[in-house]
């Protein structure tokens, strides 16, 4: 669920092997819902999320608070 509706994320069950380290890359970190969902999918398959990287972070929305891993952003607003 999102603040403005619902959406679905999917991943192939063989996309990540148990114990595999994963970097997640996305364009924008806003509320953190999508990135948190992707982290959950990776962890569900046994992967270990090492870091999330974004081109831009909308810091005033505090999406980074939903993530339990280090994040890096090129731009912060």
N, C-alpha and C. Protein backbone atom coordinates (compact mmCIF):
# COMPACT_ATOMS: atom_id res chain seq x y z
N UNK A 1 0.82 -1.19 0.00
CA UNK A 1 0.00 0.00 0.00
C UNK A 1 0.86 1.25 0.00
N UNK A 2 0.38 2.23 -0.68
CA UNK A 2 1.05 3.53 -0.77
C UNK A 2 0.14 4.60 -0.20
N UNK A 3 0.68 5.79 0.02
CA UNK A 3 -0.15 6.86 0.56
C UNK A 3 -1.24 7.31 -0.40
N UNK A 4 -1.09 6.96 -1.67
CA UNK A 4 -2.06 7.39 -2.68
C UNK A 4 -2.69 6.22 -3.43
N UNK A 5 -2.50 4.99 -2.97
CA UNK A 5 -3.10 3.84 -3.64
C UNK A 5 -2.32 2.58 -3.35
N UNK A 6 -2.43 1.61 -4.25
CA UNK A 6 -1.72 0.34 -4.09
C UNK A 6 -0.98 0.01 -5.37
N UNK A 7 0.09 -0.77 -5.22
CA UNK A 7 0.85 -1.21 -6.37
C UNK A 7 1.49 -2.55 -6.03
N UNK A 8 2.10 -3.19 -7.01
CA UNK A 8 2.68 -4.51 -6.82
C UNK A 8 4.11 -4.53 -7.35
N UNK A 9 5.00 -5.15 -6.60
CA UNK A 9 6.37 -5.40 -7.05
C UNK A 9 6.57 -6.90 -7.09
N UNK A 10 7.27 -7.38 -8.11
CA UNK A 10 7.52 -8.81 -8.24
C UNK A 10 8.99 -9.05 -8.54
N UNK A 11 9.46 -10.25 -8.19
CA UNK A 11 10.83 -10.65 -8.48
C UNK A 11 10.82 -12.15 -8.78
N UNK A 12 11.64 -12.58 -9.72
CA UNK A 12 11.76 -14.01 -10.00
C UNK A 12 12.36 -14.71 -8.80
N UNK A 13 11.85 -15.87 -8.47
CA UNK A 13 12.34 -16.60 -7.29
C UNK A 13 13.78 -17.05 -7.43
N UNK A 14 14.29 -17.12 -8.66
CA UNK A 14 15.68 -17.52 -8.86
C UNK A 14 16.61 -16.34 -9.15
N UNK A 15 16.12 -15.13 -8.94
CA UNK A 15 16.91 -13.93 -9.25
C UNK A 15 18.05 -13.71 -8.26
N UNK A 16 17.87 -14.16 -7.02
CA UNK A 16 18.86 -13.94 -5.97
C UNK A 16 19.06 -15.25 -5.23
N UNK A 17 20.31 -15.58 -5.03
CA UNK A 17 20.64 -16.80 -4.29
C UNK A 17 20.80 -16.47 -2.81
N UNK A 18 20.46 -17.40 -1.92
CA UNK A 18 20.64 -17.17 -0.48
C UNK A 18 22.08 -16.75 -0.15
N UNK A 19 22.21 -15.71 0.65
CA UNK A 19 23.52 -15.20 1.05
C UNK A 19 24.14 -14.21 0.09
N UNK A 20 23.55 -14.04 -1.08
CA UNK A 20 24.10 -13.12 -2.08
C UNK A 20 23.95 -11.68 -1.60
N UNK A 21 25.00 -10.88 -1.78
CA UNK A 21 24.96 -9.46 -1.41
C UNK A 21 24.37 -8.66 -2.57
N UNK A 22 23.48 -7.71 -2.24
CA UNK A 22 22.72 -6.99 -3.26
C UNK A 22 22.81 -5.49 -3.02
N UNK A 23 23.06 -4.72 -4.09
CA UNK A 23 22.94 -3.27 -4.09
C UNK A 23 21.66 -2.92 -4.81
N UNK A 24 20.88 -2.04 -4.25
CA UNK A 24 19.62 -1.61 -4.87
C UNK A 24 19.83 -0.19 -5.39
N UNK A 25 19.46 0.02 -6.66
CA UNK A 25 19.59 1.33 -7.29
C UNK A 25 18.21 1.79 -7.76
N UNK A 26 17.88 3.05 -7.49
CA UNK A 26 16.60 3.61 -7.94
C UNK A 26 16.82 5.09 -8.24
N UNK A 27 15.88 5.67 -8.95
CA UNK A 27 16.06 7.07 -9.32
C UNK A 27 15.78 8.03 -8.16
N UNK A 28 14.66 7.85 -7.46
CA UNK A 28 14.25 8.81 -6.43
C UNK A 28 13.87 8.09 -5.14
N UNK A 29 14.36 8.61 -4.02
CA UNK A 29 13.90 8.17 -2.71
C UNK A 29 12.97 9.25 -2.19
N UNK A 30 11.70 8.92 -2.09
CA UNK A 30 10.71 9.87 -1.57
C UNK A 30 10.24 9.38 -0.20
N UNK A 31 9.13 8.69 -0.14
CA UNK A 31 8.61 8.21 1.14
C UNK A 31 9.27 6.91 1.60
N UNK A 32 10.00 6.24 0.73
CA UNK A 32 10.72 5.03 1.09
C UNK A 32 9.94 3.74 0.92
N UNK A 33 8.67 3.82 0.54
CA UNK A 33 7.84 2.63 0.41
C UNK A 33 8.33 1.64 -0.62
N UNK A 34 8.69 2.13 -1.79
CA UNK A 34 9.15 1.23 -2.85
C UNK A 34 10.48 0.59 -2.49
N UNK A 35 11.42 1.38 -2.00
CA UNK A 35 12.73 0.84 -1.64
C UNK A 35 12.61 -0.17 -0.50
N UNK A 36 11.76 0.10 0.48
CA UNK A 36 11.56 -0.84 1.59
C UNK A 36 10.95 -2.15 1.08
N UNK A 37 10.03 -2.05 0.12
CA UNK A 37 9.41 -3.25 -0.45
C UNK A 37 10.44 -4.08 -1.23
N UNK A 38 11.32 -3.41 -1.97
CA UNK A 38 12.36 -4.12 -2.72
C UNK A 38 13.31 -4.81 -1.75
N UNK A 39 13.69 -4.12 -0.68
CA UNK A 39 14.56 -4.73 0.34
C UNK A 39 13.90 -5.98 0.92
N UNK A 40 12.62 -5.89 1.20
CA UNK A 40 11.89 -7.03 1.76
C UNK A 40 11.87 -8.21 0.79
N UNK A 41 11.69 -7.93 -0.51
CA UNK A 41 11.70 -9.00 -1.51
C UNK A 41 13.06 -9.69 -1.57
N UNK A 42 14.12 -8.89 -1.55
CA UNK A 42 15.48 -9.45 -1.60
C UNK A 42 15.72 -10.33 -0.38
N UNK A 43 15.34 -9.82 0.79
CA UNK A 43 15.56 -10.57 2.03
C UNK A 43 14.70 -11.84 2.08
N UNK A 44 13.52 -11.77 1.50
CA UNK A 44 12.64 -12.95 1.46
C UNK A 44 13.28 -14.09 0.67
N UNK A 45 14.09 -13.73 -0.33
CA UNK A 45 14.79 -14.73 -1.13
C UNK A 45 16.12 -15.14 -0.51
N UNK A 46 16.45 -14.57 0.64
CA UNK A 46 17.69 -14.93 1.32
C UNK A 46 18.87 -14.04 0.99
N UNK A 47 18.63 -12.99 0.20
CA UNK A 47 19.69 -12.05 -0.13
C UNK A 47 19.97 -11.09 1.01
N UNK A 48 21.12 -10.46 0.95
CA UNK A 48 21.53 -9.48 1.96
C UNK A 48 21.67 -8.12 1.27
N UNK A 49 20.80 -7.18 1.61
CA UNK A 49 20.88 -5.83 1.02
C UNK A 49 22.03 -5.10 1.71
N UNK A 50 23.01 -4.68 0.91
CA UNK A 50 24.19 -4.02 1.44
C UNK A 50 23.98 -2.51 1.49
N UNK A 51 23.33 -1.95 0.48
CA UNK A 51 23.13 -0.50 0.40
C UNK A 51 22.06 -0.20 -0.64
N UNK A 52 21.39 0.94 -0.47
CA UNK A 52 20.45 1.47 -1.47
C UNK A 52 21.03 2.77 -2.01
N UNK A 53 21.05 2.92 -3.33
CA UNK A 53 21.58 4.11 -3.98
C UNK A 53 20.49 4.80 -4.78
N UNK A 54 20.50 6.12 -4.75
CA UNK A 54 19.48 6.91 -5.44
C UNK A 54 20.15 8.08 -6.16
N UNK A 55 19.55 8.50 -7.26
CA UNK A 55 20.03 9.71 -7.92
C UNK A 55 19.62 10.91 -7.08
N UNK A 56 18.37 10.91 -6.60
CA UNK A 56 17.87 12.05 -5.85
C UNK A 56 17.09 11.58 -4.63
N UNK A 57 17.29 12.27 -3.51
CA UNK A 57 16.54 11.99 -2.28
C UNK A 57 15.74 13.23 -1.90
N UNK A 58 14.46 13.04 -1.67
CA UNK A 58 13.61 14.12 -1.16
C UNK A 58 13.62 13.99 0.37
N UNK A 59 14.64 14.55 0.99
CA UNK A 59 14.90 14.37 2.41
C UNK A 59 13.77 14.79 3.33
N UNK A 60 13.02 15.80 2.92
CA UNK A 60 11.93 16.30 3.76
C UNK A 60 10.81 15.27 3.93
N UNK A 61 10.78 14.23 3.09
CA UNK A 61 9.78 13.17 3.22
C UNK A 61 10.25 12.04 4.14
N UNK A 62 11.52 12.08 4.54
CA UNK A 62 12.09 11.15 5.52
C UNK A 62 11.96 9.66 5.13
N UNK A 63 12.05 9.37 3.85
CA UNK A 63 11.97 7.99 3.37
C UNK A 63 13.12 7.12 3.85
N UNK A 64 14.27 7.73 4.11
CA UNK A 64 15.43 6.97 4.58
C UNK A 64 15.15 6.29 5.92
N UNK A 65 14.22 6.84 6.69
CA UNK A 65 13.88 6.25 7.99
C UNK A 65 13.24 4.87 7.85
N UNK A 66 12.70 4.56 6.69
CA UNK A 66 12.07 3.25 6.46
C UNK A 66 13.09 2.18 6.06
N UNK A 67 14.31 2.59 5.78
CA UNK A 67 15.33 1.66 5.30
C UNK A 67 16.30 1.32 6.42
N UNK A 68 16.64 0.05 6.52
CA UNK A 68 17.53 -0.43 7.58
C UNK A 68 18.96 -0.61 7.10
N UNK A 69 19.26 -0.08 5.92
CA UNK A 69 20.59 -0.23 5.33
C UNK A 69 21.14 1.16 5.01
N UNK A 70 22.45 1.27 4.80
CA UNK A 70 23.02 2.56 4.39
C UNK A 70 22.44 3.00 3.05
N UNK A 71 22.32 4.30 2.88
CA UNK A 71 21.86 4.84 1.60
C UNK A 71 22.86 5.87 1.11
N UNK A 72 22.87 6.09 -0.22
CA UNK A 72 23.68 7.13 -0.84
C UNK A 72 22.82 7.80 -1.90
N UNK A 73 22.91 9.12 -1.99
CA UNK A 73 22.16 9.89 -2.99
C UNK A 73 23.09 10.93 -3.60
N UNK A 74 22.96 11.15 -4.91
CA UNK A 74 23.75 12.17 -5.58
C UNK A 74 23.24 13.56 -5.26
N UNK A 75 21.91 13.71 -5.18
CA UNK A 75 21.28 15.00 -4.92
C UNK A 75 20.32 14.87 -3.75
N UNK A 76 20.27 15.87 -2.90
CA UNK A 76 19.32 15.90 -1.80
C UNK A 76 18.53 17.19 -1.84
N UNK A 77 17.22 17.05 -1.72
CA UNK A 77 16.32 18.21 -1.68
C UNK A 77 15.50 18.17 -0.42
